[in-house]
Amino acid sequence: MRITAFAVALSLLAAPALAQTLTAPSLPTLGNVTQPININTADSKTLGSLPGVGQQGADAIIKNRPFSTIDELTTKANLPKSVVDGIRPLVTVQ
């Protein structure tokens, strides 16, 4: 009985922290980026280091330049929408 009560109490104390961990959005980061990366001018290494892009995605971006909008990454470079949404705060099309 004591073990059960202890387990219940422990789970109630841990639940808020776990819920915050599971629901808190996490923005992707790229080292010390202080300005968005221009997908129309960035090199392959820089593009490939973006979260979820990789070398194949970087090659597709370079091959399908220029981009007028970030959303074109899904149609022209065939990047998944989830990847594009993840890198949106890190990139620009200036």
PDB file of N, CA and C in Angstrom:
ATOM      1  N   MET A   1       0.816  -1.185   0.000  1.00  0.00           N
ATOM      2  CA  MET A   1       0.000   0.000   0.000  1.00  0.00           C
ATOM      3  C   MET A   1       0.867   1.259   0.000  1.00  0.00           C
ATOM      4  N   ARG A   2       1.945   1.277   0.817  1.00  0.00           N
ATOM      5  CA  ARG A   2       2.823   2.439   0.872  1.00  0.00           C
ATOM      6  C   ARG A   2       3.505   2.676  -0.469  1.00  0.00           C
ATOM      7  N   ILE A   3       3.925   1.599  -1.110  1.00  0.00           N
ATOM      8  CA  ILE A   3       4.588   1.731  -2.413  1.00  0.00           C
ATOM      9  C   ILE A   3       3.629   2.300  -3.440  1.00  0.00           C
ATOM     10  N   THR A   4       2.389   1.852  -3.442  1.00  0.00           N
ATOM     11  CA  THR A   4       1.392   2.359  -4.376  1.00  0.00           C
ATOM     12  C   THR A   4       1.137   3.845  -4.140  1.00  0.00           C
ATOM     13  N   ALA A   5       0.971   4.231  -2.886  1.00  0.00           N
ATOM     14  CA  ALA A   5       0.738   5.634  -2.555  1.00  0.00           C
ATOM     15  C   ALA A   5       1.931   6.487  -2.968  1.00  0.00           C
ATOM     16  N   PHE A   6       3.139   5.974  -2.723  1.00  0.00           N
ATOM     17  CA  PHE A   6       4.343   6.697  -3.119  1.00  0.00           C
ATOM     18  C   PHE A   6       4.407   6.848  -4.640  1.00  0.00           C
ATOM     19  N   ALA A   7       4.101   5.795  -5.376  1.00  0.00           N
ATOM     20  CA  ALA A   7       4.127   5.833  -6.841  1.00  0.00           C
ATOM     21  C   ALA A   7       3.107   6.823  -7.375  1.00  0.00           C
ATOM     22  N   VAL A   8       1.926   6.852  -6.791  1.00  0.00           N
ATOM     23  CA  VAL A   8       0.883   7.795  -7.213  1.00  0.00           C
ATOM     24  C   VAL A   8       1.341   9.226  -6.931  1.00  0.00           C
ATOM     25  N   ALA A   9       1.871   9.469  -5.753  1.00  0.00           N
ATOM     26  CA  ALA A   9       2.339  10.814  -5.402  1.00  0.00           C
ATOM     27  C   ALA A   9       3.469  11.260  -6.314  1.00  0.00           C
ATOM     28  N   LEU A  10       4.379  10.364  -6.588  1.00  0.00           N
ATOM     29  CA  LEU A  10       5.495  10.693  -7.464  1.00  0.00           C
ATOM     30  C   LEU A  10       5.015  11.016  -8.878  1.00  0.00           C
ATOM     31  N   SER A  11       4.071  10.244  -9.382  1.00  0.00           N
ATOM     32  CA  SER A  11       3.561  10.495 -10.737  1.00  0.00           C
ATOM     33  C   SER A  11       2.817  11.817 -10.810  1.00  0.00           C
ATOM     34  N   LEU A  12       2.112  12.183  -9.748  1.00  0.00           N
ATOM     35  CA  LEU A  12       1.402  13.461  -9.734  1.00  0.00           C
ATOM     36  C   LEU A  12       2.376  14.637  -9.716  1.00  0.00           C
ATOM     37  N   LEU A  13       3.491  14.463  -9.026  1.00  0.00           N
ATOM     38  CA  LEU A  13       4.502  15.523  -8.998  1.00  0.00           C
ATOM     39  C   LEU A  13       5.231  15.642 -10.330  1.00  0.00           C
ATOM     40  N   ALA A  14       5.449  14.540 -11.008  1.00  0.00           N
ATOM     41  CA  ALA A  14       6.196  14.535 -12.263  1.00  0.00           C
ATOM     42  C   ALA A  14       5.329  14.911 -13.458  1.00  0.00           C
ATOM     43  N   ALA A  15       4.026  14.753 -13.373  1.00  0.00           N
ATOM     44  CA  ALA A  15       3.133  14.970 -14.513  1.00  0.00           C
ATOM     45  C   ALA A  15       3.238  16.375 -15.103  1.00  0.00           C
ATOM     46  N   PRO A  16       3.222  17.448 -14.301  1.00  0.00           N
ATOM     47  CA  PRO A  16       3.319  18.784 -14.910  1.00  0.00           C
ATOM     48  C   PRO A  16       4.616  19.001 -15.683  1.00  0.00           C
ATOM     49  N   ALA A  17       5.718  18.524 -15.159  1.00  0.00           N
ATOM     50  CA  ALA A  17       6.999  18.685 -15.847  1.00  0.00           C
ATOM     51  C   ALA A  17       7.003  17.886 -17.145  1.00  0.00           C
ATOM     52  N   LEU A  18       6.472  16.688 -17.104  1.00  0.00           N
ATOM     53  CA  LEU A  18       6.401  15.864 -18.299  1.00  0.00           C
ATOM     54  C   LEU A  18       5.484  16.497 -19.338  1.00  0.00           C
ATOM     55  N   ALA A  19       4.351  17.013 -18.913  1.00  0.00           N
ATOM     56  CA  ALA A  19       3.421  17.651 -19.841  1.00  0.00           C
ATOM     57  C   ALA A  19       4.070  18.861 -20.501  1.00  0.00           C
ATOM     58  N   GLN A  20       4.808  19.646 -19.739  1.00  0.00           N
ATOM     59  CA  GLN A  20       5.479  20.812 -20.301  1.00  0.00           C
ATOM     60  C   GLN A  20       6.537  20.384 -21.306  1.00  0.00           C
ATOM     61  N   THR A  21       7.245  19.326 -21.013  1.00  0.00           N
ATOM     62  CA  THR A  21       8.270  18.820 -21.914  1.00  0.00           C
ATOM     63  C   THR A  21       7.663  18.346 -23.219  1.00  0.00           C
ATOM     64  N   LEU A  22       6.523  17.691 -23.145  1.00  0.00           N
ATOM     65  CA  LEU A  22       5.898  17.131 -24.337  1.00  0.00           C
ATOM     66  C   LEU A  22       5.180  18.177 -25.183  1.00  0.00           C
ATOM     67  N   THR A  23       4.712  19.256 -24.574  1.00  0.00           N
ATOM     68  CA  THR A  23       3.920  20.218 -25.319  1.00  0.00           C
ATOM     69  C   THR A  23       4.664  21.506 -25.652  1.00  0.00           C
ATOM     70  N   ALA A  24       5.755  21.786 -25.008  1.00  0.00           N
ATOM     71  CA  ALA A  24       6.477  23.028 -25.265  1.00  0.00           C
ATOM     72  C   ALA A  24       7.114  22.967 -26.649  1.00  0.00           C
ATOM     73  N   PRO A  25       6.800  23.938 -27.511  1.00  0.00           N
ATOM     74  CA  PRO A  25       7.416  23.928 -28.833  1.00  0.00           C
ATOM     75  C   PRO A  25       8.898  24.250 -28.738  1.00  0.00           C
ATOM     76  N   SER A  26       9.663  23.590 -29.547  1.00  0.00           N
ATOM     77  CA  SER A  26      11.091  23.875 -29.552  1.00  0.00           C
ATOM     78  C   SER A  26      11.472  24.374 -30.935  1.00  0.00           C
ATOM     79  N   LEU A  27      12.074  25.530 -30.971  1.00  0.00           N
ATOM     80  CA  LEU A  27      12.504  26.094 -32.235  1.00  0.00           C
ATOM     81  C   LEU A  27      13.836  25.488 -32.636  1.00  0.00           C
ATOM     82  N   PRO A  28      13.986  25.197 -33.915  1.00  0.00           N
ATOM     83  CA  PRO A  28      15.274  24.673 -34.353  1.00  0.00           C
ATOM     84  C   PRO A  28      16.353  25.742 -34.216  1.00  0.00           C
ATOM     85  N   THR A  29      17.555  25.299 -34.009  1.00  0.00           N
ATOM     86  CA  THR A  29      18.660  26.240 -33.903  1.00  0.00           C
ATOM     87  C   THR A  29      19.775  25.807 -34.825  1.00  0.00           C
ATOM     88  N   LEU A  30      20.601  26.747 -35.172  1.00  0.00           N
ATOM     89  CA  LEU A  30      21.742  26.461 -36.023  1.00  0.00           C
ATOM     90  C   LEU A  30      22.924  27.250 -35.507  1.00  0.00           C
ATOM     91  N   GLY A  31      23.581  26.674 -34.518  1.00  0.00           N
ATOM     92  CA  GLY A  31      24.761  27.318 -33.973  1.00  0.00           C
ATOM     93  C   GLY A  31      24.476  28.724 -33.493  1.00  0.00           C
ATOM     94  N   ASN A  32      25.248  29.669 -33.977  1.00  0.00           N
ATOM     95  CA  ASN A  32      25.112  31.058 -33.559  1.00  0.00           C
ATOM     96  C   ASN A  32      24.521  31.931 -34.660  1.00  0.00           C
ATOM     97  N   VAL A  33      23.541  31.426 -35.377  1.00  0.00           N
ATOM     98  CA  VAL A  33      22.926  32.198 -36.452  1.00  0.00           C
ATOM     99  C   VAL A  33      22.262  33.428 -35.855  1.00  0.00           C
ATOM    100  N   THR A  34      22.652  34.603 -36.339  1.00  0.00           N
ATOM    101  CA  THR A  34      22.054  35.835 -35.858  1.00  0.00           C
ATOM    102  C   THR A  34      21.167  36.464 -36.918  1.00  0.00           C
ATOM    103  N   GLN A  35      21.362  36.064 -38.165  1.00  0.00           N
ATOM    104  CA  GLN A  35      20.534  36.551 -39.262  1.00  0.00           C
ATOM    105  C   GLN A  35      20.043  35.353 -40.053  1.00  0.00           C
ATOM    106  N   PRO A  36      18.841  35.455 -40.636  1.00  0.00           N
ATOM    107  CA  PRO A  36      18.342  34.343 -41.445  1.00  0.00           C
ATOM    108  C   PRO A  36      19.270  34.038 -42.621  1.00  0.00           C
ATOM    109  N   ILE A  37      19.303  32.781 -43.014  1.00  0.00           N
ATOM    110  CA  ILE A  37      20.118  32.335 -44.145  1.00  0.00           C
ATOM    111  C   ILE A  37      19.316  32.518 -45.425  1.00  0.00           C
ATOM    112  N   ASN A  38      19.905  33.172 -46.391  1.00  0.00           N
ATOM    113  CA  ASN A  38      19.244  33.383 -47.676  1.00  0.00           C
ATOM    114  C   ASN A  38      19.363  32.104 -48.502  1.00  0.00           C
ATOM    115  N   ILE A  39      18.236  31.438 -48.744  1.00  0.00           N
ATOM    116  CA  ILE A  39      18.270  30.167 -49.473  1.00  0.00           C
ATOM    117  C   ILE A  39      18.626  30.345 -50.937  1.00  0.00           C
ATOM    118  N   ASN A  40      18.568  31.571 -51.441  1.00  0.00           N
ATOM    119  CA  ASN A  40      18.926  31.834 -52.838  1.00  0.00           C
ATOM    120  C   ASN A  40      20.418  32.056 -53.041  1.00  0.00           C
ATOM    121  N   THR A  41      21.155  32.263 -51.949  1.00  0.00           N
ATOM    122  CA  THR A  41      22.586  32.537 -52.092  1.00  0.00           C
ATOM    123  C   THR A  41      23.489  31.654 -51.216  1.00  0.00           C
ATOM    124  N   ALA A  42      22.918  30.961 -50.242  1.00  0.00           N
ATOM    125  CA  ALA A  42      23.730  30.158 -49.319  1.00  0.00           C
ATOM    126  C   ALA A  42      24.382  28.983 -50.040  1.00  0.00           C
ATOM    127  N   ASP A  43      25.552  28.590 -49.544  1.00  0.00           N
ATOM    128  CA  ASP A  43      26.247  27.446 -50.149  1.00  0.00           C
ATOM    129  C   ASP A  43      25.656  26.128 -49.651  1.00  0.00           C
ATOM    130  N   SER A  44      26.080  25.065 -50.280  1.00  0.00           N
ATOM    131  CA  SER A  44      25.561  23.735 -50.005  1.00  0.00           C
ATOM    132  C   SER A  44      25.785  23.313 -48.555  1.00  0.00           C
ATOM    133  N   LYS A  45      26.945  23.598 -48.017  1.00  0.00           N
ATOM    134  CA  LYS A  45      27.260  23.213 -46.641  1.00  0.00           C
ATOM    135  C   LYS A  45      26.330  23.905 -45.648  1.00  0.00           C
ATOM    136  N   THR A  46      26.089  25.190 -45.860  1.00  0.00           N
ATOM    137  CA  THR A  46      25.211  25.949 -44.974  1.00  0.00           C
ATOM    138  C   THR A  46      23.783  25.434 -45.054  1.00  0.00           C
ATOM    139  N   LEU A  47      23.286  25.237 -46.268  1.00  0.00           N
ATOM    140  CA  LEU A  47      21.921  24.732 -46.438  1.00  0.00           C
ATOM    141  C   LEU A  47      21.784  23.329 -45.842  1.00  0.00           C
ATOM    142  N   GLY A  48      22.775  22.498 -46.063  1.00  0.00           N
ATOM    143  CA  GLY A  48      22.731  21.130 -45.564  1.00  0.00           C
ATOM    144  C   GLY A  48      22.767  21.025 -44.057  1.00  0.00           C
ATOM    145  N   SER A  49      23.259  22.059 -43.397  1.00  0.00           N
ATOM    146  CA  SER A  49      23.321  22.038 -41.939  1.00  0.00           C
ATOM    147  C   SER A  49      22.016  22.486 -41.290  1.00  0.00           C
ATOM    148  N   LEU A  50      21.064  22.957 -42.085  1.00  0.00           N
ATOM    149  CA  LEU A  50      19.761  23.324 -41.541  1.00  0.00           C
ATOM    150  C   LEU A  50      19.046  22.057 -41.057  1.00  0.00           C
ATOM    151  N   PRO A  51      18.327  22.139 -39.944  1.00  0.00           N
ATOM    152  CA  PRO A  51      17.662  20.955 -39.384  1.00  0.00           C
ATOM    153  C   PRO A  51      16.719  20.289 -40.386  1.00  0.00           C
ATOM    154  N   GLY A  52      16.963  19.027 -40.664  1.00  0.00           N
ATOM    155  CA  GLY A  52      16.102  18.245 -41.543  1.00  0.00           C
ATOM    156  C   GLY A  52      16.382  18.362 -43.024  1.00  0.00           C
ATOM    157  N   VAL A  53      17.298  19.250 -43.419  1.00  0.00           N
ATOM    158  CA  VAL A  53      17.555  19.473 -44.850  1.00  0.00           C
ATOM    159  C   VAL A  53      18.556  18.461 -45.380  1.00  0.00           C
ATOM    160  N   GLY A  54      19.721  18.379 -44.784  1.00  0.00           N
ATOM    161  CA  GLY A  54      20.739  17.433 -45.231  1.00  0.00           C
ATOM    162  C   GLY A  54      21.312  17.784 -46.594  1.00  0.00           C
ATOM    163  N   GLN A  55      22.250  16.962 -47.043  1.00  0.00           N
ATOM    164  CA  GLN A  55      22.941  17.248 -48.306  1.00  0.00           C
ATOM    165  C   GLN A  55      22.011  17.115 -49.511  1.00  0.00           C
ATOM    166  N   GLN A  56      21.139  16.124 -49.513  1.00  0.00           N
ATOM    167  CA  GLN A  56      20.219  15.932 -50.636  1.00  0.00           C
ATOM    168  C   GLN A  56      19.256  17.108 -50.750  1.00  0.00           C
ATOM    169  N   GLY A  57      18.740  17.585 -49.624  1.00  0.00           N
ATOM    170  CA  GLY A  57      17.858  18.746 -49.638  1.00  0.00           C
ATOM    171  C   GLY A  57      18.588  20.000 -50.081  1.00  0.00           C
ATOM    172  N   ALA A  58      19.822  20.157 -49.633  1.00  0.00           N
ATOM    173  CA  ALA A  58      20.621  21.320 -50.035  1.00  0.00           C
ATOM    174  C   ALA A  58      20.839  21.316 -51.544  1.00  0.00           C
ATOM    175  N   ASP A  59      21.145  20.146 -52.102  1.00  0.00           N
ATOM    176  CA  ASP A  59      21.328  20.042 -53.552  1.00  0.00           C
ATOM    177  C   ASP A  59      20.047  20.397 -54.299  1.00  0.00           C
ATOM    178  N   ALA A  60      18.902  19.962 -53.780  1.00  0.00           N
ATOM    179  CA  ALA A  60      17.619  20.268 -54.415  1.00  0.00           C
ATOM    180  C   ALA A  60      17.314  21.762 -54.347  1.00  0.00           C
ATOM    181  N   ILE A  61      17.655  22.388 -53.231  1.00  0.00           N
ATOM    182  CA  ILE A  61      17.438  23.840 -53.100  1.00  0.00           C
ATOM    183  C   ILE A  61      18.283  24.575 -54.132  1.00  0.00           C
ATOM    184  N   ILE A  62      19.557  24.238 -54.209  1.00  0.00           N
ATOM    185  CA  ILE A  62      20.462  24.920 -55.140  1.00  0.00           C
ATOM    186  C   ILE A  62      20.013  24.698 -56.584  1.00  0.00           C
ATOM    187  N   LYS A  63      19.617  23.495 -56.906  1.00  0.00           N
ATOM    188  CA  LYS A  63      19.202  23.149 -58.271  1.00  0.00           C
ATOM    189  C   LYS A  63      17.944  23.904 -58.696  1.00  0.00           C
ATOM    190  N   ASN A  64      17.060  24.211 -57.761  1.00  0.00           N
ATOM    191  CA  ASN A  64      15.768  24.813 -58.098  1.00  0.00           C
ATOM    192  C   ASN A  64      15.664  26.299 -57.783  1.00  0.00           C
ATOM    193  N   ARG A  65      16.777  26.949 -57.567  1.00  0.00           N
ATOM    194  CA  ARG A  65      16.777  28.395 -57.349  1.00  0.00           C
ATOM    195  C   ARG A  65      16.359  29.122 -58.606  1.00  0.00           C
ATOM    196  N   PRO A  66      15.833  30.318 -58.496  1.00  0.00           N
ATOM    197  CA  PRO A  66      15.566  31.120 -57.306  1.00  0.00           C
ATOM    198  C   PRO A  66      14.195  30.785 -56.711  1.00  0.00           C
ATOM    199  N   PHE A  67      14.047  31.133 -55.438  1.00  0.00           N
ATOM    200  CA  PHE A  67      12.794  30.970 -54.715  1.00  0.00           C
ATOM    201  C   PHE A  67      12.241  32.354 -54.406  1.00  0.00           C
ATOM    202  N   SER A  68      10.931  32.513 -54.595  1.00  0.00           N
ATOM    203  CA  SER A  68      10.273  33.780 -54.275  1.00  0.00           C
ATOM    204  C   SER A  68       9.733  33.776 -52.852  1.00  0.00           C
ATOM    205  N   THR A  69       9.371  32.572 -52.375  1.00  0.00           N
ATOM    206  CA  THR A  69       8.849  32.425 -51.016  1.00  0.00           C
ATOM    207  C   THR A  69       9.477  31.189 -50.372  1.00  0.00           C
ATOM    208  N   ILE A  70       9.451  31.148 -49.079  1.00  0.00           N
ATOM    209  CA  ILE A  70       9.961  29.980 -48.361  1.00  0.00           C
ATOM    210  C   ILE A  70       9.077  28.765 -48.638  1.00  0.00           C
ATOM    211  N   ASP A  71       7.774  28.991 -48.800  1.00  0.00           N
ATOM    212  CA  ASP A  71       6.852  27.890 -49.070  1.00  0.00           C
ATOM    213  C   ASP A  71       7.172  27.160 -50.370  1.00  0.00           C
ATOM    214  N   GLU A  72       7.845  27.816 -51.300  1.00  0.00           N
ATOM    215  CA  GLU A  72       8.226  27.151 -52.552  1.00  0.00           C
ATOM    216  C   GLU A  72       9.214  26.007 -52.324  1.00  0.00           C
ATOM    217  N   LEU A  73       9.816  25.949 -51.155  1.00  0.00           N
ATOM    218  CA  LEU A  73      10.718  24.830 -50.863  1.00  0.00           C
ATOM    219  C   LEU A  73       9.977  23.497 -50.924  1.00  0.00           C
ATOM    220  N   THR A  74       8.669  23.505 -50.643  1.00  0.00           N
ATOM    221  CA  THR A  74       7.905  22.257 -50.700  1.00  0.00           C
ATOM    222  C   THR A  74       7.579  21.872 -52.135  1.00  0.00           C
ATOM    223  N   THR A  75       7.341  22.845 -53.000  1.00  0.00           N
ATOM    224  CA  THR A  75       6.944  22.531 -54.375  1.00  0.00           C
ATOM    225  C   THR A  75       8.125  22.433 -55.326  1.00  0.00           C
ATOM    226  N   LYS A  76       9.091  23.308 -55.183  1.00  0.00           N
ATOM    227  CA  LYS A  76      10.224  23.314 -56.121  1.00  0.00           C
ATOM    228  C   LYS A  76      11.357  22.387 -55.695  1.00  0.00           C
ATOM    229  N   ALA A  77      11.634  22.305 -54.390  1.00  0.00           N
ATOM    230  CA  ALA A  77      12.741  21.480 -53.903  1.00  0.00           C
ATOM    231  C   ALA A  77      12.246  20.184 -53.260  1.00  0.00           C
ATOM    232  N   ASN A  78      10.925  20.001 -53.212  1.00  0.00           N
ATOM    233  CA  ASN A  78      10.300  18.799 -52.647  1.00  0.00           C
ATOM    234  C   ASN A  78      10.696  18.506 -51.201  1.00  0.00           C
ATOM    235  N   LEU A  79      10.920  19.552 -50.427  1.00  0.00           N
ATOM    236  CA  LEU A  79      11.173  19.347 -48.999  1.00  0.00           C
ATOM    237  C   LEU A  79       9.836  19.127 -48.297  1.00  0.00           C
ATOM    238  N   PRO A  80       9.783  18.248 -47.308  1.00  0.00           N
ATOM    239  CA  PRO A  80       8.531  18.051 -46.561  1.00  0.00           C
ATOM    240  C   PRO A  80       8.100  19.331 -45.865  1.00  0.00           C
ATOM    241  N   LYS A  81       6.791  19.536 -45.777  1.00  0.00           N
ATOM    242  CA  LYS A  81       6.260  20.728 -45.128  1.00  0.00           C
ATOM    243  C   LYS A  81       6.767  20.849 -43.699  1.00  0.00           C
ATOM    244  N   SER A  82       6.913  19.728 -43.023  1.00  0.00           N
ATOM    245  CA  SER A  82       7.393  19.762 -41.632  1.00  0.00           C
ATOM    246  C   SER A  82       8.818  20.312 -41.552  1.00  0.00           C
ATOM    247  N   VAL A  83       9.648  19.984 -42.537  1.00  0.00           N
ATOM    248  CA  VAL A  83      11.015  20.516 -42.569  1.00  0.00           C
ATOM    249  C   VAL A  83      10.979  22.013 -42.851  1.00  0.00           C
ATOM    250  N   VAL A  84      10.180  22.402 -43.839  1.00  0.00           N
ATOM    251  CA  VAL A  84      10.075  23.830 -44.186  1.00  0.00           C
ATOM    252  C   VAL A  84       9.567  24.626 -42.992  1.00  0.00           C
ATOM    253  N   ASP A  85       8.552  24.120 -42.312  1.00  0.00           N
ATOM    254  CA  ASP A  85       8.041  24.818 -41.126  1.00  0.00           C
ATOM    255  C   ASP A  85       9.099  24.902 -40.036  1.00  0.00           C
ATOM    256  N   GLY A  86       9.926  23.880 -39.918  1.00  0.00           N
ATOM    257  CA  GLY A  86      10.981  23.882 -38.910  1.00  0.00           C
ATOM    258  C   GLY A  86      12.096  24.873 -39.173  1.00  0.00           C
ATOM    259  N   ILE A  87      12.421  25.076 -40.459  1.00  0.00           N
ATOM    260  CA  ILE A  87      13.523  26.000 -40.780  1.00  0.00           C
ATOM    261  C   ILE A  87      13.051  27.417 -41.074  1.00  0.00           C
ATOM    262  N   ARG A  88      11.749  27.607 -41.150  1.00  0.00           N
ATOM    263  CA  ARG A  88      11.196  28.929 -41.496  1.00  0.00           C
ATOM    264  C   ARG A  88      11.810  30.074 -40.691  1.00  0.00           C
ATOM    265  N   PRO A  89      12.006  29.929 -39.359  1.00  0.00           N
ATOM    266  CA  PRO A  89      12.597  31.051 -38.604  1.00  0.00           C
ATOM    267  C   PRO A  89      14.079  31.275 -38.923  1.00  0.00           C
ATOM    268  N   LEU A  90      14.702  30.332 -39.607  1.00  0.00           N
ATOM    269  CA  LEU A  90      16.139  30.400 -39.858  1.00  0.00           C
ATOM    270  C   LEU A  90      16.507  30.867 -41.252  1.00  0.00           C
ATOM    271  N   VAL A  91      15.519  30.974 -42.158  1.00  0.00           N
ATOM    272  CA  VAL A  91      15.825  31.257 -43.560  1.00  0.00           C
ATOM    273  C   VAL A  91      15.045  32.450 -44.089  1.00  0.00           C
ATOM    274  N   THR A  92      15.540  32.960 -45.219  1.00  0.00           N
ATOM    275  CA  THR A  92      14.873  34.052 -45.925  1.00  0.00           C
ATOM    276  C   THR A  92      15.084  33.852 -47.421  1.00  0.00           C
ATOM    277  N   VAL A  93      14.357  34.622 -48.229  1.00  0.00           N
ATOM    278  CA  VAL A  93      14.505  34.558 -49.695  1.00  0.00           C
ATOM    279  C   VAL A  93      14.861  35.921 -50.267  1.00  0.00           C
ATOM    280  N   GLN A  94      15.482  36.757 -49.489  1.00  0.00           N
ATOM    281  CA  GLN A  94      15.830  38.124 -49.930  1.00  0.00           C
ATOM    282  C   GLN A  94      16.646  38.102 -51.196  1.00  0.00           C
TER     283      GLN A  94
END
